[in-house]
Protein backbone atom coordinates (compact mmCIF):
# COMPACT_ATOMS: atom_id res chain seq x y z
CA MET A 1 -11.94 -20.10 -9.14
CA HIS A 2 -13.45 -18.92 -5.91
CA ALA A 3 -11.95 -16.50 -3.43
CA PRO A 4 -9.30 -16.57 -2.17
CA VAL A 5 -6.94 -17.00 -5.11
CA THR A 6 -4.20 -18.08 -2.71
CA ASP A 7 -3.69 -18.81 0.96
CA ALA A 8 -1.77 -15.52 1.07
CA ALA A 9 -4.99 -13.55 0.44
CA THR A 10 -6.17 -11.46 3.40
CA PRO A 11 -9.90 -11.36 4.21
CA LEU A 12 -11.50 -7.91 4.28
CA TYR A 13 -14.70 -7.11 6.18
CA ASP A 14 -17.30 -4.38 6.01
CA VAL A 15 -18.72 -2.67 9.09
CA ALA A 16 -21.74 -4.97 9.43
CA ALA A 17 -19.46 -8.01 9.40
CA MET A 18 -17.07 -6.50 11.93
CA ARG A 19 -19.94 -5.69 14.29
CA ARG A 20 -20.91 -9.37 14.18
CA VAL A 21 -17.31 -10.33 14.85
CA GLU A 22 -17.16 -7.96 17.82
CA THR A 23 -20.41 -9.39 19.19
CA GLN A 24 -19.03 -12.91 18.94
CA ALA A 25 -15.76 -11.80 20.52
CA ILE A 26 -17.59 -10.28 23.48
CA ALA A 27 -19.58 -13.49 23.89
CA LEU A 28 -16.37 -15.53 23.95
CA LEU A 29 -15.07 -13.17 26.65
CA GLY A 30 -17.99 -13.95 28.94
CA ASN A 31 -20.21 -11.16 27.57
CA ASP A 32 -17.78 -8.60 28.95
CA ALA A 33 -17.52 -5.72 26.48
CA SER A 34 -15.07 -3.95 28.78
CA ALA A 35 -12.65 -6.87 28.47
CA LEU A 36 -12.56 -6.45 24.68
CA MET A 37 -12.09 -2.70 25.06
CA GLU A 38 -9.25 -3.28 27.49
CA ARG A 39 -7.50 -5.51 24.96
CA ALA A 40 -7.92 -2.95 22.18
CA GLY A 41 -6.65 -0.05 24.27
CA ARG A 42 -3.68 -2.05 25.52
CA ALA A 43 -2.79 -3.09 21.96
CA ALA A 44 -3.02 0.53 20.85
CA TRP A 45 -0.69 1.61 23.66
CA GLY A 46 1.75 -1.10 22.59
CA CYS A 47 1.58 0.18 19.01
CA LEU A 48 2.33 3.72 20.16
CA LEU A 49 5.31 2.51 22.19
CA ASP A 50 6.62 0.48 19.25
CA HIS A 51 6.54 3.37 16.77
CA TRP A 52 6.90 6.47 18.96
CA PRO A 53 8.85 5.26 22.00
CA GLN A 54 10.19 8.75 22.77
CA ALA A 55 6.76 10.40 22.84
CA ARG A 56 6.29 12.09 26.23
CA ARG A 57 3.36 14.43 25.56
CA ILE A 58 0.33 12.53 24.28
CA VAL A 59 -3.04 13.97 23.27
CA VAL A 60 -5.90 11.49 22.96
CA VAL A 61 -9.02 12.78 21.22
CA CYS A 62 -12.01 10.62 22.20
CA GLY A 63 -15.47 10.28 20.80
CA PRO A 64 -18.57 9.25 22.77
CA GLY A 65 -18.67 5.61 21.64
CA ASN A 66 -16.55 2.50 22.05
CA ASN A 67 -13.75 3.88 19.87
CA GLY A 68 -13.45 6.67 22.43
CA GLY A 69 -13.40 4.00 25.12
CA ASP A 70 -10.39 2.40 23.46
CA GLY A 71 -8.74 5.82 23.62
CA TYR A 72 -9.42 6.14 27.35
CA VAL A 73 -7.79 2.74 27.96
CA LEU A 74 -4.71 3.81 25.99
CA ALA A 75 -4.62 7.10 27.91
CA ARG A 76 -4.70 5.26 31.25
CA HIS A 77 -1.78 3.02 30.24
CA ALA A 78 0.19 6.06 29.06
CA LEU A 79 -0.52 7.89 32.31
CA GLU A 80 0.54 4.91 34.39
CA ALA A 81 3.77 4.77 32.34
CA GLY A 82 4.60 8.32 33.42
CA ARG A 83 3.68 10.11 30.22
CA GLU A 84 1.98 13.51 30.08
CA VAL A 85 -1.51 12.74 28.81
CA GLN A 86 -4.32 15.05 27.81
CA VAL A 87 -7.69 13.57 26.85
CA LEU A 88 -10.02 15.80 24.86
CA HIS A 89 -13.54 15.41 23.52
CA ALA A 90 -16.01 17.65 21.73
CA GLN A 91 -18.64 19.66 23.57
CA ASP A 92 -21.49 17.38 24.72
CA GLN A 93 -19.61 14.25 23.56
CA ALA A 94 -18.75 12.66 26.87
CA PRO A 95 -18.74 8.83 26.89
CA ARG A 96 -22.17 7.29 26.31
CA SER A 97 -21.77 3.52 26.06
CA VAL A 98 -21.39 1.58 29.31
CA PRO A 99 -17.88 0.22 28.58
CA ALA A 100 -16.70 3.65 27.40
CA ARG A 101 -17.96 5.26 30.61
CA GLN A 102 -16.18 2.58 32.62
CA ALA A 103 -12.94 3.18 30.69
CA ALA A 104 -13.23 6.93 31.27
CA ALA A 105 -13.85 6.39 34.97
CA ALA A 106 -10.78 4.14 35.22
CA PHE A 107 -8.71 6.85 33.53
CA GLY A 108 -10.02 9.37 36.06
CA ASP A 109 -9.27 7.03 38.97
CA ALA A 110 -5.67 6.82 37.71
CA GLY A 111 -5.41 10.61 38.00
CA GLY A 112 -6.31 11.53 34.45
CA ARG A 113 -8.28 14.61 33.49
CA VAL A 114 -10.56 15.23 30.53
CA ALA A 115 -11.23 18.58 28.83
CA VAL A 116 -13.32 19.90 25.99
CA ALA A 117 -11.26 20.37 22.83
CA GLY A 118 -10.68 23.84 21.46
CA ALA A 119 -10.01 24.93 17.92
CA ARG A 120 -6.35 23.97 18.32
CA LEU A 121 -4.87 20.94 20.03
CA PRO A 122 -2.17 21.42 22.66
CA ASP A 123 1.42 21.00 21.57
CA CYS A 124 2.31 17.33 21.78
CA ASP A 125 4.51 14.55 20.45
CA ILE A 126 1.64 12.43 19.11
CA VAL A 127 -2.12 12.64 18.66
CA VAL A 128 -4.31 9.58 19.10
CA ASP A 129 -7.52 9.66 17.05
CA ALA A 130 -10.22 7.74 18.95
CA VAL A 131 -13.24 9.73 17.78
CA PHE A 132 -15.32 7.46 15.54
CA GLY A 133 -13.76 4.19 14.36
CA ILE A 134 -16.24 1.99 12.50
CA GLY A 135 -19.07 4.06 13.96
CA PHE A 136 -18.74 6.69 11.23
CA ASP A 137 -21.55 6.29 8.70
CA GLY A 138 -20.85 9.27 6.48
CA ARG A 139 -22.45 11.80 8.78
CA ALA A 140 -20.74 13.94 11.38
CA ASP A 141 -21.99 16.97 13.31
CA ASP A 142 -20.24 20.32 13.43
CA ALA A 143 -18.49 19.49 16.70
CA SER A 144 -16.99 16.34 15.22
CA HIS A 145 -15.88 18.18 12.09
CA ALA A 146 -14.17 20.71 14.33
CA LEU A 147 -12.30 17.87 16.04
CA PHE A 148 -11.18 16.47 12.68
CA ALA A 149 -9.99 19.91 11.62
CA ALA A 150 -8.08 20.39 14.88
CA ILE A 151 -6.34 17.02 14.47
CA ALA A 152 -5.50 17.87 10.86
CA ALA A 153 -4.02 21.22 11.91
CA SER A 154 -1.69 19.63 14.45
CA ALA A 155 1.93 19.19 13.42
CA ALA A 156 2.21 15.97 15.44
CA PRO A 157 1.96 12.45 13.94
CA VAL A 158 -1.42 10.76 14.31
CA LEU A 159 -2.21 7.23 15.44
CA ALA A 160 -5.78 6.34 14.41
CA LEU A 161 -7.53 3.61 16.39
CA ASP A 162 -9.28 1.13 14.07
CA VAL A 163 -10.27 3.71 11.41
CA PRO A 164 -9.24 7.32 10.77
CA SER A 165 -12.25 9.35 11.87
CA GLY A 166 -14.32 10.57 8.94
CA VAL A 167 -13.51 7.56 6.73
CA ASP A 168 -16.23 5.01 5.94
CA ALA A 169 -14.72 1.64 6.90
CA SER A 170 -17.02 -0.32 4.59
CA CYS A 171 -16.41 1.42 1.28
CA GLY A 172 -13.51 3.87 1.75
CA ASP A 173 -15.59 6.97 1.10
CA VAL A 174 -14.41 10.24 2.63
CA PRO A 175 -17.44 12.53 2.32
CA GLY A 176 -15.93 15.54 4.09
CA ILE A 177 -13.15 16.45 6.48
CA ALA A 178 -11.35 13.36 7.77
CA VAL A 179 -8.29 12.58 9.85
CA ARG A 180 -5.09 11.86 7.91
CA ALA A 181 -3.33 9.30 10.06
CA THR A 182 0.36 8.52 10.14
CA ARG A 183 -0.54 4.99 11.19
CA THR A 184 -3.86 3.18 11.58
CA LEU A 185 -4.20 0.20 13.91
CA GLN A 186 -7.20 -1.92 12.97
CA PHE A 187 -8.73 -4.16 15.62
CA ILE A 188 -9.46 -7.88 15.15
CA GLY A 189 -9.77 -7.83 11.34
CA HIS A 190 -9.00 -5.85 8.21
CA HIS A 191 -11.52 -3.27 6.98
CA ALA A 192 -12.43 -3.38 3.30
CA GLY A 193 -12.92 0.37 3.12
CA LEU A 194 -9.33 1.07 4.13
CA ALA A 195 -7.96 -0.85 1.14
CA THR A 196 -9.25 1.23 -1.77
CA GLY A 197 -10.32 4.66 -2.93
CA ALA A 198 -10.08 7.94 -1.05
CA ALA A 199 -9.35 6.17 2.24
CA LEU A 200 -5.83 5.41 1.01
CA ASP A 201 -4.92 9.08 1.42
CA HIS A 202 -5.92 8.92 5.10
CA VAL A 203 -4.83 5.58 6.59
CA GLY A 204 -1.04 5.98 6.56
CA ASP A 205 0.70 2.73 7.47
CA LEU A 206 -1.86 0.00 8.16
CA ALA A 207 -1.60 -2.77 10.73
CA VAL A 208 -4.04 -5.02 12.54
CA ALA A 209 -4.13 -6.15 16.17
CA ALA A 210 -5.88 -9.51 16.49
CA LEU A 211 -6.33 -8.95 20.27
CA ALA A 212 -5.43 -12.58 21.04
CA LEU A 213 -8.91 -13.72 20.07
CA PRO A 214 -9.58 -17.27 18.81
CA PRO A 215 -10.48 -17.87 15.15
CA GLU A 216 -14.02 -18.71 16.21
CA VAL A 217 -14.85 -15.00 16.38
CA PHE A 218 -15.11 -15.12 12.56
CA ASP A 219 -17.44 -18.14 12.46
CA GLY A 220 -20.29 -17.54 10.03
CA VAL A 221 -18.94 -14.12 8.99
CA ALA A 222 -18.01 -13.90 5.32
CA PRO A 223 -15.43 -11.42 4.04
CA VAL A 224 -16.68 -8.83 1.60
CA ALA A 225 -13.43 -9.07 -0.39
CA TRP A 226 -9.88 -10.39 -0.28
CA SER A 227 -6.66 -8.40 -0.42
CA LEU A 228 -3.60 -9.55 -2.35
CA ARG A 229 -0.08 -8.23 -1.85
CA GLY A 230 2.95 -8.51 -4.08
CA ALA A 231 4.53 -11.30 -2.04
CA ALA A 232 1.91 -13.69 -3.43
CA LEU A 233 2.63 -12.94 -7.08
CA GLU A 234 5.38 -15.34 -8.03
CA SER A 235 3.43 -18.39 -6.86
CA LEU A 236 0.40 -17.31 -8.91
CA LEU A 237 2.05 -16.85 -12.30
CA PRO A 238 1.79 -19.62 -14.92
CA GLN A 239 4.78 -21.96 -14.85
CA ARG A 240 6.25 -23.21 -18.12
CA ALA A 241 7.16 -26.83 -18.72
CA ARG A 242 10.74 -27.58 -19.67
CA THR A 243 9.46 -28.47 -23.15
CA ALA A 244 7.41 -25.28 -23.59
CA HIS A 245 7.37 -23.57 -26.98
CA LYS A 246 5.86 -20.36 -28.30
CA GLY A 247 2.64 -22.07 -29.30
CA SER A 248 2.09 -23.47 -25.82
CA ALA A 249 2.51 -20.01 -24.29
CA GLY A 250 -0.51 -18.63 -26.14
CA HIS A 251 -1.25 -16.13 -28.89
CA VAL A 252 -2.58 -12.63 -28.10
CA LEU A 253 -4.14 -10.36 -30.72
CA VAL A 254 -4.26 -6.65 -29.83
CA ALA A 255 -6.95 -4.82 -31.82
CA GLY A 256 -6.70 -1.03 -31.76
CA GLY A 257 -4.50 1.87 -32.69
CA ASN A 258 -6.73 4.16 -34.71
CA HIS A 259 -5.28 7.21 -36.47
CA GLY A 260 -2.91 9.04 -34.13
CA MET A 261 -3.30 6.49 -31.33
CA GLY A 262 -0.99 3.69 -32.38
CA GLY A 263 1.09 3.99 -29.23
CA ALA A 264 -1.64 2.45 -27.07
CA ALA A 265 -1.73 -0.73 -29.14
CA MET A 266 2.08 -0.85 -29.10
CA LEU A 267 2.14 -0.64 -25.30
CA ALA A 268 -0.47 -3.38 -24.91
CA ALA A 269 1.45 -5.62 -27.30
CA SER A 270 4.77 -5.01 -25.53
CA ALA A 271 3.20 -5.75 -22.15
CA ALA A 272 1.68 -8.98 -23.48
CA LEU A 273 5.12 -10.12 -24.63
CA ARG A 274 6.79 -9.19 -21.34
CA ALA A 275 3.99 -10.96 -19.43
CA GLY A 276 4.83 -14.20 -21.16
CA ALA A 277 2.64 -14.57 -24.23
CA GLY A 278 4.32 -16.82 -26.80
CA LEU A 279 2.98 -14.91 -29.80
CA VAL A 280 1.55 -11.40 -30.11
CA SER A 281 -0.18 -9.94 -33.15
CA VAL A 282 -1.54 -6.44 -33.63
CA ALA A 283 -4.39 -5.43 -35.93
CA THR A 284 -4.09 -1.68 -36.45
CA ARG A 285 -4.26 1.10 -38.99
CA ALA A 286 -1.79 0.71 -41.84
CA ALA A 287 0.10 3.86 -40.86
CA HIS A 288 1.13 2.26 -37.56
CA VAL A 289 2.60 -0.96 -38.93
CA ALA A 290 6.09 0.36 -39.70
CA PRO A 291 6.52 2.23 -36.38
CA LEU A 292 5.25 -0.80 -34.51
CA LEU A 293 7.71 -3.17 -36.18
CA SER A 294 10.52 -0.69 -35.66
CA ARG A 295 9.78 -0.44 -31.95
CA THR A 296 8.83 -4.08 -31.28
CA PRO A 297 10.08 -6.44 -33.98
CA GLU A 298 8.82 -9.45 -31.98
CA VAL A 299 5.23 -8.46 -32.83
CA MET A 300 3.37 -9.61 -35.94
CA ALA A 301 1.73 -6.45 -37.32
CA HIS A 302 -1.31 -6.50 -39.59
CA ALA A 303 -2.66 -3.48 -41.45
CA LEU A 304 -6.41 -3.46 -40.89
CA GLU A 305 -8.49 -0.88 -42.75
CA ASP A 306 -11.56 -3.09 -43.19
CA PRO A 307 -12.76 -4.60 -39.88
CA THR A 308 -14.85 -7.19 -41.72
CA ARG A 309 -11.56 -8.88 -42.64
CA MET A 310 -10.62 -9.62 -39.01
CA ALA A 311 -11.95 -13.17 -38.87
CA PRO A 312 -8.72 -14.96 -39.89
CA LEU A 313 -6.71 -12.98 -37.33
CA LEU A 314 -9.20 -13.76 -34.57
CA ALA A 315 -9.25 -17.42 -35.50
CA MET A 316 -5.49 -17.71 -34.98
CA ALA A 317 -5.42 -15.96 -31.59
CA ASP A 318 -6.28 -17.48 -28.23
CA VAL A 319 -7.40 -14.13 -26.84
CA CYS A 320 -8.09 -10.68 -28.25
CA ALA A 321 -7.36 -7.46 -26.33
CA VAL A 322 -9.60 -4.85 -27.92
CA GLY A 323 -9.68 -1.15 -27.13
CA PRO A 324 -6.20 0.38 -26.73
CA GLY A 325 -6.18 3.44 -28.98
CA LEU A 326 -9.35 2.19 -30.70
CA GLY A 327 -11.20 5.49 -31.04
CA ARG A 328 -14.96 5.79 -31.45
CA ASP A 329 -15.51 6.11 -35.19
CA ALA A 330 -17.03 3.64 -37.66
CA TRP A 331 -13.73 1.74 -37.95
CA ALA A 332 -13.60 1.33 -34.18
CA SER A 333 -17.21 0.14 -34.01
CA GLY A 334 -16.50 -2.38 -36.75
CA VAL A 335 -13.46 -3.74 -34.93
CA LEU A 336 -15.40 -4.15 -31.69
CA LYS A 337 -18.29 -5.85 -33.47
CA ALA A 338 -15.92 -8.28 -35.17
CA THR A 339 -14.09 -9.19 -31.97
CA ILE A 340 -17.29 -9.78 -30.01
CA ALA A 341 -18.56 -12.02 -32.78
CA ALA A 342 -15.50 -14.18 -33.32
CA ALA A 343 -12.84 -13.88 -30.59
CA HIS A 344 -12.06 -17.01 -28.58
CA ALA A 345 -11.65 -14.85 -25.46
CA LEU A 346 -11.82 -11.10 -24.88
CA VAL A 347 -10.19 -8.42 -22.77
CA VAL A 348 -12.05 -5.13 -23.33
CA ASP A 349 -10.49 -1.78 -22.49
CA ALA A 350 -10.44 1.96 -23.25
CA ASP A 351 -12.60 3.14 -26.16
CA ALA A 352 -14.06 -0.33 -26.62
CA LEU A 353 -15.65 0.23 -23.20
CA ASN A 354 -16.93 3.65 -24.25
CA LEU A 355 -18.48 2.14 -27.37
CA LEU A 356 -20.03 -0.55 -25.21
CA ALA A 357 -21.46 2.08 -22.87
CA ALA A 358 -22.98 3.98 -25.79
CA SER A 359 -24.38 0.83 -27.39
CA PRO A 360 -24.70 -2.05 -24.90
CA ARG A 361 -24.48 -5.52 -26.35
CA HIS A 362 -24.17 -9.09 -25.14
CA LEU A 363 -20.60 -10.14 -24.43
CA PRO A 364 -19.15 -13.64 -24.59
CA ALA A 365 -18.77 -15.56 -21.36
CA ALA A 366 -15.50 -15.03 -19.48
CA THR A 367 -14.88 -11.61 -21.01
CA VAL A 368 -12.71 -9.29 -18.88
CA LEU A 369 -13.57 -5.57 -18.70
CA THR A 370 -10.87 -3.18 -17.44
CA PRO A 371 -12.48 0.26 -16.89
CA HIS A 372 -11.03 3.24 -15.10
CA PRO A 373 -13.57 5.16 -12.96
CA GLY A 374 -14.68 7.39 -15.85
CA GLU A 375 -15.36 4.42 -18.11
CA ALA A 376 -17.07 2.59 -15.25
CA ALA A 377 -19.33 5.59 -14.71
CA ARG A 378 -20.36 5.59 -18.36
CA LEU A 379 -20.97 1.84 -18.33
CA LEU A 380 -23.19 2.16 -15.25
CA GLY A 381 -24.89 5.43 -16.15
CA ARG A 382 -23.53 7.05 -12.99
CA THR A 383 -21.14 9.86 -12.12
CA VAL A 384 -17.48 9.26 -11.41
CA LEU A 385 -18.08 10.47 -7.84
CA GLU A 386 -20.77 7.82 -7.36
CA VAL A 387 -18.43 5.12 -8.66
CA GLN A 388 -15.59 6.22 -6.40
CA ARG A 389 -17.74 6.52 -3.28
CA ASP A 390 -18.04 2.73 -3.20
CA ARG A 391 -15.57 1.10 -5.55
CA ILE A 392 -16.36 -2.40 -4.34
CA ALA A 393 -20.08 -2.01 -5.00
CA SER A 394 -19.38 -0.34 -8.34
CA ALA A 395 -17.21 -3.21 -9.55
CA ARG A 396 -19.85 -5.69 -8.46
CA ALA A 397 -22.58 -3.71 -10.20
CA LEU A 398 -20.60 -3.79 -13.45
CA CYS A 399 -19.99 -7.49 -12.99
CA ALA A 400 -23.72 -8.12 -12.56
CA ARG A 401 -24.81 -5.87 -15.43
CA TYR A 402 -22.45 -7.28 -18.04
CA GLY A 403 -21.92 -10.81 -16.72
CA CYS A 404 -18.16 -10.31 -17.01
CA VAL A 405 -15.06 -10.20 -14.87
CA VAL A 406 -14.41 -6.54 -14.03
CA VAL A 407 -11.13 -4.85 -13.14
CA LEU A 408 -11.96 -1.40 -11.75
CA LYS A 409 -8.65 0.41 -12.01
CA GLY A 410 -7.37 3.04 -9.61
CA ALA A 411 -5.82 3.22 -6.17
CA GLY A 412 -6.75 -0.11 -4.64
CA THR A 413 -7.79 -1.81 -7.90
CA VAL A 414 -10.93 -3.90 -7.41
CA VAL A 415 -11.52 -7.15 -9.31
CA ALA A 416 -15.00 -8.70 -9.27
CA ALA A 417 -15.94 -11.97 -10.94
CA PRO A 418 -19.39 -13.54 -11.40
CA GLY A 419 -19.91 -16.17 -8.74
CA ALA A 420 -16.25 -16.14 -7.73
CA GLY A 421 -15.61 -13.21 -5.42
CA THR A 422 -14.02 -9.80 -5.08
CA TRP A 423 -10.36 -8.90 -4.67
CA ILE A 424 -8.51 -5.67 -3.90
CA ILE A 425 -4.94 -5.28 -5.12
CA ASP A 426 -2.50 -4.01 -2.50
CA ALA A 427 0.21 -2.90 -4.94
CA GLY A 428 0.89 0.10 -7.15
CA ASN A 429 1.78 3.74 -6.59
CA PRO A 430 0.88 7.29 -7.72
CA GLY A 431 3.63 7.25 -10.35
CA MET A 432 1.34 4.98 -12.37
CA ALA A 433 -1.10 7.84 -12.92
CA VAL A 434 -0.08 8.45 -16.52
CA GLY A 435 -1.57 7.63 -19.89
CA GLY A 436 -0.74 4.18 -21.23
CA MET A 437 -0.61 2.33 -17.91
CA GLY A 438 -4.05 0.87 -18.58
CA ASP A 439 -2.94 -0.35 -22.00
CA ALA A 440 -0.10 -2.21 -20.30
CA LEU A 441 -2.56 -3.83 -17.87
CA THR A 442 -4.74 -4.95 -20.78
CA GLY A 443 -1.77 -6.63 -22.43
CA ILE A 444 -0.76 -8.37 -19.20
CA ILE A 445 -4.23 -9.80 -18.56
CA ALA A 446 -4.54 -10.92 -22.19
CA ALA A 447 -1.16 -12.68 -21.95
CA LEU A 448 -2.21 -14.54 -18.81
CA ARG A 449 -5.46 -15.59 -20.46
CA ALA A 450 -3.50 -16.84 -23.48
CA GLN A 451 -1.27 -18.88 -21.15
CA GLY A 452 -4.29 -20.72 -19.84
CA LEU A 453 -5.46 -18.87 -16.74
CA PRO A 454 -9.26 -18.60 -16.38
CA ALA A 455 -10.69 -15.12 -16.80
CA ALA A 456 -11.07 -14.26 -13.10
CA GLU A 457 -7.64 -15.57 -12.18
CA ALA A 458 -5.99 -13.79 -15.12
CA ALA A 459 -7.63 -10.53 -14.06
CA VAL A 460 -6.56 -10.83 -10.42
CA VAL A 461 -3.02 -12.01 -11.13
CA GLY A 462 -2.64 -9.52 -13.99
CA ALA A 463 -3.70 -6.59 -11.82
CA LEU A 464 -1.30 -7.73 -9.10
CA GLN A 465 1.57 -8.18 -11.57
CA HIS A 466 0.86 -4.72 -12.99
CA GLY A 467 1.00 -3.12 -9.53
CA VAL A 468 4.14 -4.99 -8.47
CA ALA A 469 5.93 -4.01 -11.69
CA GLY A 470 4.91 -0.40 -11.12
CA ASP A 471 6.31 -0.51 -7.60
CA ARG A 472 9.55 -2.02 -8.84
CA ALA A 473 9.90 0.61 -11.57
CA ALA A 474 9.26 3.37 -9.02
CA ALA A 475 11.81 1.91 -6.61
CA GLU A 476 14.44 1.67 -9.31
CA GLY A 477 13.96 5.02 -11.06
CA GLY A 478 11.54 7.08 -8.99
CA ALA A 479 7.78 7.47 -9.25
CA ARG A 480 7.85 10.97 -10.71
CA GLY A 481 8.01 10.79 -14.49
CA MET A 482 7.61 7.02 -14.59
CA LEU A 483 6.40 5.76 -17.98
CA PRO A 484 4.42 2.67 -18.98
CA SER A 485 7.52 1.43 -20.78
CA ASP A 486 9.35 1.51 -17.42
CA LEU A 487 6.66 -0.71 -15.91
CA ILE A 488 6.68 -3.04 -18.90
CA ALA A 489 10.44 -3.51 -18.58
CA ALA A 490 9.97 -4.44 -14.92
CA LEU A 491 7.54 -7.26 -15.76
CA ARG A 492 10.41 -9.66 -16.36
CA ARG A 493 11.17 -9.73 -12.62
CA PRO A 494 7.81 -10.64 -11.11
CA GLY A 495 8.78 -11.31 -7.48
CA GLN A 496 9.33 -8.63 -4.88
CA ASP A 497 12.88 -7.87 -3.74
């Protein structure tokens, strides 16, 4: 399977790609950069009118580059529409690029005035952030930081043009102070960095303005990733034949549940059943067998005190999910060793990943790894901060190092597959930040593998199904206090309402 998984996938671009797209767009417009800026500014003014039609007092904060030029165009349209407009910029940050200077001059010719921003913005109905856009590379001077702080201190809603200033549009890193937008209007294409990581706390509602450009502007420019939303899910799930039976729906073995951690294996097994596996077995400590059968009688529970006796269980299963509640003792190491040696297919999670980080070993082809950022950091020998600064690159690095499909969990889950592509999941919510949610994801992916999906597709579809179920559970009962069992119950209704 190669990206995209479905025609519903949205291409995502990094800054280098978007600069090429902009260059090609300008060429198609007769090499007139001002024409492209005019389109962007007019689209931004239309966005403001659509969402804040009653706004009379508008503050536009402009930077010295082309993003600032877009702001000047918006300001001119607002002024001509009879709105009260104040354009501000930082000290010594007057427009520098030719099209930005032209846009500023046109604003002045329309009667507009520009001032240097102070520590506080004037009272207004809306603030337009046109400071950096894709020009932010992780570095900002003191004057720019002061602008960001002034925008943040304003009580007014914020419309960010293309990218909230202070956010890296390629990777989603927010290295310091950054604008928290109410709405972000991207221009021409979707930015990869606004789909995952820290950026998600800054973008607000996301939209894109294509600026009426022809598809040729993307010729020769490859996306860095693809975004999938919940609307695509139902068409991606395995469909059962009318004559399907439990054997044709696959057999999942969950291996885990060390002393005191049986709940993790139970959650993974329950999720595998709800995600459509025909048969689910659990190999766990003897003490957990009775509670497991009491909670989930549909599961076949096996007391496993000697990991060397796993071979018959692995032989019967189509896929093994190893790691939920596994622990890191000798028993856990033995279970992991046995599964790597004999499983038909593997999904590796939780402490199995920590054992793998401590003692790297070759993994079978088409294995799926499902680390959270802490586990990813241990697997890569990095810090969590380094992983989170560029989640796309981190997932790809794990994919390259271990030769496996990788699901890097977190806000904007990233899935990377060897030779197949990278996807970002546009589903899920903060209510899912609770122990056991990852165990549920492991069970879902294992169930999809058992039903015949290839590893990369099972990982992508499983992560999407997990996020959609979490959103449904939050909508039905609230995000606060949501439990993995709430999400698992919601798996039976895969489509969005």
